[in-house]
C-alpha cells in the first residue's frame, strides 16, 4: 500500500488537491484557487499543468474518463490524495498551535478569525 508523504506539501499541491475533491479541469482549478485565496495565488498554465501531472504520477489525483467530444480533461482526488490532505491539515494545525502558543506567551494578540 502506498505511503503518505511525510514532508510538507507545497501550497500549490495542497490547493490543487483541495480543488479536486470534486471533478475539476485545469481552468476550474485556476478559478477555485483564485477565489479561495482572494487572488493571492494565481497559477500560470505551466505551473498548474506541471503540478497536475506530478500529482497524477504520485497517484494523488486521477483523470476521469472523458465524455465524447469533451476536450477538457477532468481529474478527481484519490484516496491516497485525501490521506495526503489529512496529513497536511494535521501538520498545519500543529505548526499553527506552536506559533499561537509562543505569540500568546509573548503577549501578542492572535486574530481569532484565522
N, C-alpha and C. Protein backbone atom coordinates (compact mmCIF):
# COMPACT_ATOMS: atom_id res chain seq x y z
N UNK A 1 0.85 -1.19 0.00
CA UNK A 1 0.00 0.00 0.00
C UNK A 1 0.89 1.25 0.00
N UNK A 2 0.61 2.22 -0.88
CA UNK A 2 1.42 3.44 -0.93
C UNK A 2 1.36 4.19 0.40
N UNK A 3 2.48 4.81 0.71
CA UNK A 3 2.61 5.52 1.98
C UNK A 3 2.38 7.01 1.79
N UNK A 4 1.87 7.64 2.84
CA UNK A 4 1.64 9.08 2.82
C UNK A 4 2.99 9.78 2.91
N UNK A 5 3.18 10.80 2.08
CA UNK A 5 4.40 11.60 2.09
C UNK A 5 4.48 12.33 3.42
N UNK A 6 5.62 12.25 4.09
CA UNK A 6 5.76 12.88 5.39
C UNK A 6 6.23 14.32 5.31
N UNK A 7 6.87 14.70 4.22
CA UNK A 7 7.33 16.09 4.10
C UNK A 7 6.14 16.98 3.76
N UNK A 8 6.24 18.27 4.09
CA UNK A 8 5.13 19.19 3.83
C UNK A 8 4.80 19.27 2.34
N UNK A 9 3.53 19.48 2.06
CA UNK A 9 3.11 19.71 0.68
C UNK A 9 3.40 21.16 0.33
N UNK A 10 3.65 21.40 -0.94
CA UNK A 10 3.74 22.79 -1.38
C UNK A 10 2.34 23.37 -1.35
N UNK A 11 2.26 24.68 -1.27
CA UNK A 11 0.96 25.33 -1.30
C UNK A 11 0.24 25.01 -2.61
N UNK A 12 0.98 24.95 -3.69
CA UNK A 12 0.40 24.62 -5.00
C UNK A 12 -0.25 23.24 -4.96
N UNK A 13 0.49 22.23 -4.51
CA UNK A 13 -0.06 20.88 -4.46
C UNK A 13 -1.27 20.81 -3.54
N UNK A 14 -1.17 21.45 -2.38
CA UNK A 14 -2.25 21.42 -1.40
C UNK A 14 -3.53 22.04 -1.99
N UNK A 15 -3.41 23.19 -2.61
CA UNK A 15 -4.58 23.86 -3.17
C UNK A 15 -5.18 23.08 -4.34
N UNK A 16 -4.34 22.49 -5.16
CA UNK A 16 -4.86 21.68 -6.28
C UNK A 16 -5.60 20.46 -5.75
N UNK A 17 -5.04 19.80 -4.75
CA UNK A 17 -5.73 18.64 -4.16
C UNK A 17 -7.09 19.04 -3.61
N UNK A 18 -7.15 20.18 -2.93
CA UNK A 18 -8.44 20.65 -2.40
C UNK A 18 -9.44 20.91 -3.52
N UNK A 19 -8.95 21.46 -4.63
CA UNK A 19 -9.82 21.75 -5.77
C UNK A 19 -10.34 20.48 -6.42
N UNK A 20 -9.66 19.36 -6.21
CA UNK A 20 -10.01 18.10 -6.87
C UNK A 20 -10.95 17.23 -6.02
N UNK A 21 -11.49 17.76 -4.94
CA UNK A 21 -12.47 16.99 -4.17
C UNK A 21 -13.76 16.80 -4.97
N UNK A 22 -13.91 17.58 -6.01
CA UNK A 22 -14.98 17.34 -6.98
C UNK A 22 -14.31 17.30 -8.34
N UNK A 23 -14.89 16.63 -9.31
CA UNK A 23 -14.25 16.59 -10.63
C UNK A 23 -13.94 18.01 -11.11
N UNK A 24 -12.72 18.20 -11.59
CA UNK A 24 -12.30 19.53 -12.00
C UNK A 24 -11.28 19.44 -13.12
N UNK A 25 -11.24 20.48 -13.93
CA UNK A 25 -10.25 20.59 -15.00
C UNK A 25 -9.36 21.77 -14.69
N UNK A 26 -8.32 21.97 -15.48
CA UNK A 26 -7.33 22.99 -15.20
C UNK A 26 -7.90 24.37 -14.97
N UNK A 27 -8.76 24.83 -15.87
CA UNK A 27 -9.33 26.16 -15.71
C UNK A 27 -10.16 26.26 -14.43
N UNK A 28 -10.90 25.20 -14.13
CA UNK A 28 -11.70 25.17 -12.91
C UNK A 28 -10.83 25.26 -11.67
N UNK A 29 -9.66 24.60 -11.70
CA UNK A 29 -8.72 24.67 -10.59
C UNK A 29 -8.21 26.10 -10.44
N UNK A 30 -7.85 26.73 -11.56
CA UNK A 30 -7.38 28.12 -11.51
C UNK A 30 -8.42 29.03 -10.86
N UNK A 31 -9.67 28.87 -11.26
CA UNK A 31 -10.76 29.69 -10.71
C UNK A 31 -10.95 29.41 -9.22
N UNK A 32 -10.96 28.15 -8.83
CA UNK A 32 -11.12 27.75 -7.44
C UNK A 32 -10.05 28.40 -6.57
N UNK A 33 -8.79 28.29 -7.01
CA UNK A 33 -7.67 28.81 -6.23
C UNK A 33 -7.74 30.33 -6.14
N UNK A 34 -8.01 30.99 -7.25
CA UNK A 34 -8.12 32.46 -7.22
C UNK A 34 -9.23 32.90 -6.27
N UNK A 35 -10.36 32.21 -6.33
CA UNK A 35 -11.50 32.57 -5.48
C UNK A 35 -11.18 32.32 -4.00
N UNK A 36 -10.69 31.14 -3.69
CA UNK A 36 -10.44 30.77 -2.29
C UNK A 36 -9.33 31.58 -1.65
N UNK A 37 -8.34 32.00 -2.44
CA UNK A 37 -7.23 32.78 -1.89
C UNK A 37 -7.45 34.28 -2.12
N UNK A 38 -8.62 34.65 -2.61
CA UNK A 38 -8.96 36.05 -2.89
C UNK A 38 -7.90 36.71 -3.78
N UNK A 39 -7.41 35.95 -4.75
CA UNK A 39 -6.47 36.47 -5.73
C UNK A 39 -5.01 36.47 -5.28
N UNK A 40 -4.73 36.01 -4.08
CA UNK A 40 -3.35 35.97 -3.59
C UNK A 40 -2.53 34.96 -4.38
N UNK A 41 -3.16 33.85 -4.77
CA UNK A 41 -2.48 32.82 -5.54
C UNK A 41 -3.12 32.72 -6.92
N UNK A 42 -2.31 32.88 -7.94
CA UNK A 42 -2.76 32.75 -9.32
C UNK A 42 -1.78 31.83 -10.03
N UNK A 43 -2.26 30.73 -10.55
CA UNK A 43 -1.40 29.78 -11.26
C UNK A 43 -1.30 30.13 -12.72
N UNK A 44 -0.08 30.11 -13.24
CA UNK A 44 0.11 30.15 -14.67
C UNK A 44 -0.10 28.74 -15.21
N UNK A 45 -0.40 28.61 -16.50
CA UNK A 45 -0.66 27.28 -17.07
C UNK A 45 0.50 26.30 -16.87
N UNK A 46 1.74 26.75 -17.02
CA UNK A 46 2.88 25.84 -16.85
C UNK A 46 2.97 25.28 -15.45
N UNK A 47 2.80 26.15 -14.46
CA UNK A 47 2.84 25.71 -13.06
C UNK A 47 1.70 24.74 -12.78
N UNK A 48 0.51 25.12 -13.20
CA UNK A 48 -0.68 24.31 -12.92
C UNK A 48 -0.58 22.93 -13.56
N UNK A 49 -0.31 22.89 -14.86
CA UNK A 49 -0.32 21.59 -15.54
C UNK A 49 0.88 20.74 -15.15
N UNK A 50 2.00 21.36 -14.83
CA UNK A 50 3.14 20.62 -14.30
C UNK A 50 2.79 19.96 -12.97
N UNK A 51 2.12 20.72 -12.11
CA UNK A 51 1.72 20.18 -10.80
C UNK A 51 0.66 19.09 -10.96
N UNK A 52 -0.30 19.29 -11.86
CA UNK A 52 -1.33 18.26 -12.09
C UNK A 52 -0.66 16.96 -12.56
N UNK A 53 0.27 17.07 -13.49
CA UNK A 53 0.97 15.86 -13.96
C UNK A 53 1.73 15.18 -12.83
N UNK A 54 2.39 15.96 -11.99
CA UNK A 54 3.13 15.42 -10.85
C UNK A 54 2.20 14.73 -9.85
N UNK A 55 1.08 15.35 -9.55
CA UNK A 55 0.12 14.76 -8.61
C UNK A 55 -0.48 13.47 -9.18
N UNK A 56 -0.71 13.45 -10.48
CA UNK A 56 -1.24 12.24 -11.12
C UNK A 56 -0.20 11.11 -11.07
N UNK A 57 1.07 11.44 -11.32
CA UNK A 57 2.14 10.42 -11.26
C UNK A 57 2.26 9.82 -9.86
N UNK A 58 2.03 10.65 -8.84
CA UNK A 58 2.10 10.17 -7.45
C UNK A 58 0.86 9.37 -7.06
N UNK A 59 -0.16 9.41 -7.89
CA UNK A 59 -1.39 8.69 -7.60
C UNK A 59 -2.32 9.44 -6.65
N UNK A 60 -2.12 10.74 -6.51
CA UNK A 60 -2.93 11.54 -5.60
C UNK A 60 -4.18 12.08 -6.26
N UNK A 61 -4.15 12.18 -7.60
CA UNK A 61 -5.33 12.51 -8.39
C UNK A 61 -5.36 11.56 -9.57
N UNK A 62 -6.51 11.43 -10.19
CA UNK A 62 -6.59 10.60 -11.39
C UNK A 62 -7.50 11.27 -12.40
N UNK A 63 -7.20 11.02 -13.66
CA UNK A 63 -8.03 11.56 -14.74
C UNK A 63 -9.32 10.76 -14.81
N UNK A 64 -10.38 11.45 -15.07
CA UNK A 64 -11.67 10.80 -15.26
C UNK A 64 -11.85 10.49 -16.74
N UNK A 65 -12.61 9.45 -17.06
CA UNK A 65 -12.86 9.16 -18.47
C UNK A 65 -13.53 10.37 -19.13
N UNK A 66 -13.03 10.75 -20.29
CA UNK A 66 -13.58 11.91 -21.00
C UNK A 66 -14.91 11.55 -21.63
N UNK A 67 -15.85 12.48 -21.56
CA UNK A 67 -17.12 12.30 -22.25
C UNK A 67 -16.87 12.57 -23.73
N UNK A 68 -17.62 11.96 -24.57
CA UNK A 68 -17.38 12.11 -26.01
C UNK A 68 -17.47 13.57 -26.43
N UNK A 69 -16.48 14.00 -27.19
CA UNK A 69 -16.45 15.37 -27.67
C UNK A 69 -15.90 16.37 -26.67
N UNK A 70 -15.65 15.95 -25.46
CA UNK A 70 -15.15 16.86 -24.42
C UNK A 70 -13.64 16.97 -24.50
N UNK A 71 -13.13 18.19 -24.64
CA UNK A 71 -11.69 18.39 -24.75
C UNK A 71 -11.02 18.56 -23.38
N UNK A 72 -11.77 19.10 -22.42
CA UNK A 72 -11.18 19.37 -21.11
C UNK A 72 -11.04 18.07 -20.32
N UNK A 73 -9.82 17.81 -19.87
CA UNK A 73 -9.55 16.62 -19.08
C UNK A 73 -9.88 16.94 -17.62
N UNK A 74 -10.76 16.14 -17.03
CA UNK A 74 -11.12 16.34 -15.63
C UNK A 74 -10.39 15.33 -14.76
N UNK A 75 -10.10 15.78 -13.55
CA UNK A 75 -9.40 14.96 -12.55
C UNK A 75 -10.21 14.95 -11.27
N UNK A 76 -9.93 13.96 -10.45
CA UNK A 76 -10.54 13.86 -9.12
C UNK A 76 -9.48 13.35 -8.15
N UNK A 77 -9.59 13.74 -6.90
CA UNK A 77 -8.63 13.29 -5.89
C UNK A 77 -8.84 11.80 -5.61
N UNK A 78 -7.78 11.09 -5.32
CA UNK A 78 -7.85 9.66 -4.99
C UNK A 78 -7.86 9.51 -3.46
N UNK A 79 -8.04 8.28 -3.02
CA UNK A 79 -7.98 8.01 -1.58
C UNK A 79 -6.62 8.40 -1.01
N UNK A 80 -5.55 8.10 -1.75
CA UNK A 80 -4.21 8.46 -1.29
C UNK A 80 -4.06 9.99 -1.24
N UNK A 81 -4.63 10.69 -2.19
CA UNK A 81 -4.61 12.14 -2.17
C UNK A 81 -5.33 12.70 -0.96
N UNK A 82 -6.47 12.09 -0.61
CA UNK A 82 -7.21 12.52 0.59
C UNK A 82 -6.37 12.32 1.85
N UNK A 83 -5.66 11.20 1.91
CA UNK A 83 -4.78 10.95 3.06
C UNK A 83 -3.70 12.02 3.15
N UNK A 84 -3.17 12.44 1.99
CA UNK A 84 -2.16 13.50 1.96
C UNK A 84 -2.73 14.80 2.52
N UNK A 85 -3.94 15.13 2.10
CA UNK A 85 -4.58 16.36 2.58
C UNK A 85 -4.79 16.28 4.09
N UNK A 86 -5.26 15.15 4.59
CA UNK A 86 -5.49 14.99 6.02
C UNK A 86 -4.18 15.12 6.80
N UNK A 87 -3.11 14.53 6.29
CA UNK A 87 -1.81 14.62 6.96
C UNK A 87 -1.31 16.07 6.95
N UNK A 88 -1.52 16.77 5.85
CA UNK A 88 -1.09 18.17 5.77
C UNK A 88 -1.90 19.05 6.71
N UNK A 89 -3.18 18.79 6.81
CA UNK A 89 -4.03 19.56 7.74
C UNK A 89 -3.54 19.36 9.17
N UNK A 90 -3.22 18.14 9.51
CA UNK A 90 -2.71 17.84 10.86
C UNK A 90 -1.40 18.59 11.10
N UNK A 91 -0.50 18.56 10.12
CA UNK A 91 0.78 19.24 10.24
C UNK A 91 0.59 20.75 10.40
N UNK A 92 -0.28 21.32 9.58
CA UNK A 92 -0.53 22.76 9.65
C UNK A 92 -1.14 23.17 10.99
N UNK A 93 -2.06 22.35 11.52
CA UNK A 93 -2.65 22.65 12.84
C UNK A 93 -1.57 22.66 13.91
N UNK A 94 -0.66 21.69 13.84
CA UNK A 94 0.42 21.61 14.82
C UNK A 94 1.31 22.86 14.74
N UNK A 95 1.70 23.24 13.53
CA UNK A 95 2.54 24.42 13.34
C UNK A 95 1.81 25.67 13.84
N UNK A 96 0.53 25.79 13.54
CA UNK A 96 -0.25 26.93 13.99
C UNK A 96 -0.31 26.98 15.52
N UNK A 97 -0.58 25.83 16.15
CA UNK A 97 -0.65 25.79 17.62
C UNK A 97 0.66 26.21 18.26
N UNK A 98 1.77 25.78 17.69
CA UNK A 98 3.09 26.17 18.22
C UNK A 98 3.26 27.68 18.13
N UNK A 99 2.97 28.23 16.96
CA UNK A 99 3.09 29.68 16.78
C UNK A 99 2.17 30.44 17.70
N UNK A 100 0.95 29.98 17.82
CA UNK A 100 -0.03 30.63 18.70
C UNK A 100 0.44 30.63 20.15
N UNK A 101 0.96 29.50 20.62
CA UNK A 101 1.45 29.38 21.99
C UNK A 101 2.59 30.36 22.25
N UNK A 102 3.54 30.42 21.33
CA UNK A 102 4.69 31.31 21.50
C UNK A 102 4.25 32.77 21.50
N UNK A 103 3.41 33.14 20.55
CA UNK A 103 2.96 34.53 20.47
C UNK A 103 2.14 34.93 21.69
N UNK A 104 1.26 34.06 22.14
CA UNK A 104 0.45 34.37 23.33
C UNK A 104 1.35 34.53 24.55
N UNK A 105 2.38 33.69 24.67
CA UNK A 105 3.32 33.81 25.79
C UNK A 105 4.09 35.12 25.75
N UNK A 106 4.21 35.70 24.58
CA UNK A 106 4.91 36.99 24.40
C UNK A 106 3.92 38.17 24.47
N UNK A 107 2.65 37.87 24.74
CA UNK A 107 1.66 38.92 24.87
C UNK A 107 1.10 39.45 23.57
N UNK A 108 1.35 38.71 22.48
CA UNK A 108 0.84 39.13 21.17
C UNK A 108 -0.59 38.61 21.03
N UNK A 109 -1.50 39.51 20.66
CA UNK A 109 -2.89 39.11 20.48
C UNK A 109 -3.06 38.40 19.15
N UNK A 110 -3.72 37.28 19.16
CA UNK A 110 -3.94 36.47 17.96
C UNK A 110 -5.30 36.80 17.39
N UNK A 111 -5.34 37.05 16.09
CA UNK A 111 -6.60 37.28 15.39
C UNK A 111 -7.35 35.96 15.34
N UNK A 112 -8.44 35.87 16.06
CA UNK A 112 -9.20 34.61 16.16
C UNK A 112 -9.93 34.26 14.87
N UNK A 113 -9.95 35.16 13.89
CA UNK A 113 -10.62 34.87 12.62
C UNK A 113 -9.76 34.01 11.72
N UNK A 114 -8.53 33.78 12.09
CA UNK A 114 -7.63 32.98 11.26
C UNK A 114 -8.07 31.55 11.27
